[in-house]
């Protein structure tokens, strides 16, 4: 039972880290979008792929 709880705790920690990274990436992308819209308000901003793809949680 202790091992199962430890694995669950590890997965939750991984989830928290992934969430934090994605929130930071989202914030950065929103800043880029706002900046692109300010410099060229008549043209749509070009889509840029995320710099780091989201990783799946380990089983």
N, C-alpha and C. Protein backbone atom coordinates (compact mmCIF):
# COMPACT_ATOMS: atom_id res chain seq x y z
N UNK A 1 0.82 -1.19 0.00
CA UNK A 1 0.00 0.00 0.00
C UNK A 1 0.87 1.26 0.00
N UNK A 2 1.95 1.22 0.76
CA UNK A 2 2.84 2.38 0.81
C UNK A 2 3.43 2.67 -0.57
N UNK A 3 3.82 1.62 -1.30
CA UNK A 3 4.39 1.81 -2.64
C UNK A 3 3.37 2.43 -3.59
N UNK A 4 2.12 2.00 -3.50
CA UNK A 4 1.07 2.55 -4.37
C UNK A 4 0.86 4.04 -4.07
N UNK A 5 0.86 4.39 -2.80
CA UNK A 5 0.71 5.80 -2.44
C UNK A 5 1.89 6.63 -2.91
N UNK A 6 3.08 6.06 -2.83
CA UNK A 6 4.28 6.76 -3.29
C UNK A 6 4.21 7.01 -4.80
N UNK A 7 3.77 5.99 -5.56
CA UNK A 7 3.63 6.16 -7.02
C UNK A 7 2.60 7.23 -7.35
N UNK A 8 1.50 7.22 -6.60
CA UNK A 8 0.47 8.23 -6.83
C UNK A 8 1.01 9.62 -6.50
N UNK A 9 1.73 9.72 -5.43
CA UNK A 9 2.34 11.00 -5.05
C UNK A 9 3.30 11.48 -6.13
N UNK A 10 4.09 10.58 -6.68
CA UNK A 10 5.03 10.95 -7.75
C UNK A 10 4.28 11.44 -8.99
N UNK A 11 3.17 10.77 -9.32
CA UNK A 11 2.39 11.20 -10.49
C UNK A 11 1.77 12.58 -10.26
N UNK A 12 1.30 12.82 -9.06
CA UNK A 12 0.72 14.13 -8.75
C UNK A 12 1.80 15.20 -8.85
N UNK A 13 2.99 14.91 -8.35
CA UNK A 13 4.10 15.87 -8.47
C UNK A 13 4.43 16.14 -9.92
N UNK A 14 4.44 15.09 -10.75
CA UNK A 14 4.69 15.27 -12.19
C UNK A 14 3.62 16.16 -12.80
N UNK A 15 2.38 15.90 -12.45
CA UNK A 15 1.27 16.68 -12.98
C UNK A 15 1.41 18.15 -12.60
N UNK A 16 1.80 18.42 -11.38
CA UNK A 16 1.99 19.79 -10.93
C UNK A 16 3.09 20.47 -11.74
N UNK A 17 4.19 19.76 -11.98
CA UNK A 17 5.29 20.33 -12.76
C UNK A 17 4.88 20.61 -14.21
N UNK A 18 4.16 19.68 -14.82
CA UNK A 18 3.71 19.86 -16.20
C UNK A 18 2.74 21.04 -16.26
N UNK A 19 1.84 21.11 -15.30
CA UNK A 19 0.89 22.22 -15.25
C UNK A 19 1.61 23.56 -15.16
N UNK A 20 2.59 23.65 -14.29
CA UNK A 20 3.34 24.90 -14.12
C UNK A 20 4.06 25.28 -15.40
N UNK A 21 4.66 24.29 -16.06
CA UNK A 21 5.37 24.57 -17.31
C UNK A 21 4.41 25.05 -18.39
N UNK A 22 3.25 24.39 -18.50
CA UNK A 22 2.28 24.79 -19.51
C UNK A 22 1.69 26.17 -19.23
N UNK A 23 1.49 26.50 -17.96
CA UNK A 23 1.00 27.83 -17.61
C UNK A 23 2.02 28.90 -18.00
N UNK A 24 3.29 28.62 -17.74
CA UNK A 24 4.35 29.58 -18.10
C UNK A 24 4.42 29.72 -19.63
N UNK A 25 4.33 28.61 -20.32
CA UNK A 25 4.37 28.65 -21.79
C UNK A 25 3.16 29.42 -22.33
N UNK A 26 2.00 29.20 -21.76
CA UNK A 26 0.79 29.90 -22.17
C UNK A 26 0.96 31.41 -21.96
N UNK A 27 1.50 31.79 -20.81
CA UNK A 27 1.73 33.20 -20.51
C UNK A 27 2.68 33.81 -21.56
N UNK A 28 3.75 33.09 -21.86
CA UNK A 28 4.72 33.57 -22.85
C UNK A 28 4.06 33.72 -24.22
N UNK A 29 3.27 32.75 -24.62
CA UNK A 29 2.61 32.82 -25.93
C UNK A 29 1.60 33.96 -25.98
N UNK A 30 0.91 34.20 -24.88
CA UNK A 30 -0.03 35.32 -24.84
C UNK A 30 0.71 36.66 -24.99
N UNK A 31 1.87 36.76 -24.36
CA UNK A 31 2.67 37.97 -24.50
C UNK A 31 3.12 38.15 -25.94
N UNK A 32 3.56 37.07 -26.58
CA UNK A 32 3.99 37.14 -27.98
C UNK A 32 2.82 37.58 -28.87
N UNK A 33 1.65 37.02 -28.62
CA UNK A 33 0.47 37.36 -29.41
C UNK A 33 0.11 38.84 -29.24
N UNK A 34 0.12 39.31 -28.00
CA UNK A 34 -0.20 40.72 -27.75
C UNK A 34 0.80 41.63 -28.44
N UNK A 35 2.07 41.26 -28.38
CA UNK A 35 3.10 42.07 -29.03
C UNK A 35 2.91 42.06 -30.54
N UNK A 36 2.61 40.92 -31.11
CA UNK A 36 2.40 40.83 -32.55
C UNK A 36 1.18 41.64 -32.98
N UNK A 37 0.15 41.63 -32.17
CA UNK A 37 -1.06 42.39 -32.50
C UNK A 37 -0.81 43.89 -32.40
N UNK A 38 0.07 44.31 -31.50
CA UNK A 38 0.38 45.74 -31.37
C UNK A 38 1.21 46.23 -32.55
N UNK A 39 2.11 45.40 -33.05
CA UNK A 39 2.98 45.83 -34.13
C UNK A 39 2.29 45.76 -35.49
N UNK A 40 1.28 44.92 -35.62
CA UNK A 40 0.59 44.77 -36.89
C UNK A 40 -0.89 44.46 -36.63
N UNK A 41 -1.68 45.47 -36.26
CA UNK A 41 -3.07 45.21 -35.88
C UNK A 41 -3.98 44.76 -37.02
N UNK A 42 -3.59 45.00 -38.29
CA UNK A 42 -4.46 44.63 -39.40
C UNK A 42 -4.20 43.22 -39.92
N UNK A 43 -3.06 42.66 -39.58
CA UNK A 43 -2.73 41.32 -40.04
C UNK A 43 -2.81 40.33 -38.86
N UNK A 44 -3.38 39.12 -39.11
CA UNK A 44 -3.42 38.13 -38.02
C UNK A 44 -2.01 37.67 -37.67
N UNK A 45 -1.78 37.42 -36.40
CA UNK A 45 -0.47 36.95 -35.95
C UNK A 45 -0.23 35.54 -36.46
N UNK A 46 1.00 35.27 -36.85
CA UNK A 46 1.36 33.93 -37.32
C UNK A 46 1.39 32.97 -36.15
N UNK A 47 0.87 31.78 -36.38
CA UNK A 47 0.89 30.76 -35.33
C UNK A 47 2.30 30.20 -35.20
N UNK A 48 2.77 30.11 -33.98
CA UNK A 48 4.09 29.53 -33.75
C UNK A 48 3.92 28.29 -32.90
N UNK A 49 4.64 27.22 -33.24
CA UNK A 49 4.53 26.00 -32.44
C UNK A 49 5.14 26.21 -31.06
N UNK A 50 4.62 25.50 -30.07
CA UNK A 50 5.19 25.64 -28.73
C UNK A 50 6.65 25.21 -28.72
N UNK A 51 7.43 25.87 -27.88
CA UNK A 51 8.86 25.58 -27.84
C UNK A 51 9.16 24.23 -27.21
N UNK A 52 8.29 23.80 -26.31
CA UNK A 52 8.49 22.52 -25.65
C UNK A 52 7.17 21.76 -25.67
N UNK A 53 7.11 20.62 -26.33
CA UNK A 53 5.83 19.88 -26.36
C UNK A 53 5.49 19.33 -24.98
N UNK A 54 4.22 19.24 -24.74
CA UNK A 54 3.77 18.66 -23.46
C UNK A 54 4.14 17.18 -23.43
N UNK A 55 4.62 16.74 -22.33
CA UNK A 55 4.98 15.34 -22.21
C UNK A 55 3.89 14.60 -21.48
N UNK A 56 3.77 13.35 -21.79
CA UNK A 56 2.76 12.53 -21.12
C UNK A 56 3.30 12.09 -19.77
N UNK A 57 2.41 11.89 -18.86
CA UNK A 57 2.82 11.41 -17.54
C UNK A 57 3.24 9.95 -17.64
N UNK A 58 4.25 9.61 -16.91
CA UNK A 58 4.74 8.23 -16.91
C UNK A 58 3.71 7.34 -16.25
N UNK A 59 3.54 6.13 -16.76
CA UNK A 59 2.55 5.22 -16.16
C UNK A 59 2.93 4.81 -14.75
